[in-house]
Amino acid sequence: MTPKNETPALIASLLLTVGLLGGGGWWLMRQLNIGRLPQSQVVSETPST
C-alpha cells in the first residue's frame, strides 16, 4: 500500500466543520435573541415654542 497525503483533506474537513458549527450557532443565537443587549430608546426632546 502506498502512503497517502491526507493533510489537505483533514484541513478542509476541519474548516468545513468549524464553519458549519459557527454558522449554526450564529443562526441559533439570532433566532433566540441570545446575547443581544437591550437597546435603550433615545428620546430627543425639543422645546416647544
Protein backbone atom coordinates (compact mmCIF):
# COMPACT_ATOMS: atom_id res chain seq x y z
CA MET A 1 0.00 0.00 0.00
CA THR A 2 1.24 3.47 -0.79
CA PRO A 3 1.14 6.19 1.85
CA LYS A 4 -1.42 8.87 1.11
CA ASN A 5 -1.19 12.53 1.98
CA GLU A 6 -4.41 13.13 3.90
CA THR A 7 -3.46 16.52 5.36
CA PRO A 8 -5.34 18.69 2.82
CA ALA A 9 -8.50 16.60 3.22
CA LEU A 10 -8.26 16.78 7.01
CA ILE A 11 -7.75 20.55 6.99
CA ALA A 12 -10.64 21.04 4.55
CA SER A 13 -12.97 18.89 6.65
CA LEU A 14 -11.90 20.74 9.80
CA LEU A 15 -12.62 24.13 8.21
CA LEU A 16 -15.97 22.89 6.92
CA THR A 17 -16.93 21.55 10.35
CA VAL A 18 -15.91 24.76 12.13
CA GLY A 19 -17.78 26.82 9.54
CA LEU A 20 -20.95 24.79 9.89
CA LEU A 21 -20.85 24.86 13.69
CA GLY A 22 -20.11 28.59 13.75
CA GLY A 23 -22.83 29.36 11.23
CA GLY A 24 -25.34 27.19 13.06
CA GLY A 25 -24.51 28.82 16.38
CA TRP A 26 -24.78 32.29 14.86
CA TRP A 27 -28.14 31.46 13.30
CA LEU A 28 -29.44 29.93 16.53
CA MET A 29 -28.37 32.95 18.56
CA ARG A 30 -30.14 35.27 16.13
CA GLN A 31 -33.31 33.16 16.24
CA LEU A 32 -33.41 33.03 20.04
CA ASN A 33 -32.12 36.61 20.56
CA ILE A 34 -29.35 35.31 22.82
CA GLY A 35 -26.59 37.74 23.60
CA ARG A 36 -28.45 40.72 22.23
CA LEU A 37 -28.26 43.61 24.63
CA PRO A 38 -31.47 45.51 25.15
CA GLN A 39 -31.22 48.72 23.25
CA SER A 40 -32.19 51.83 25.13
CA GLN A 41 -34.59 54.07 23.34
CA VAL A 42 -33.23 57.52 22.81
CA VAL A 43 -35.89 60.17 23.17
CA SER A 44 -34.92 63.58 21.93
CA GLU A 45 -36.94 66.34 23.44
CA THR A 46 -37.37 69.54 21.52
CA PRO A 47 -38.61 72.57 23.38
CA SER A 48 -41.99 73.64 22.14
CA THR A 49 -42.28 77.33 21.44
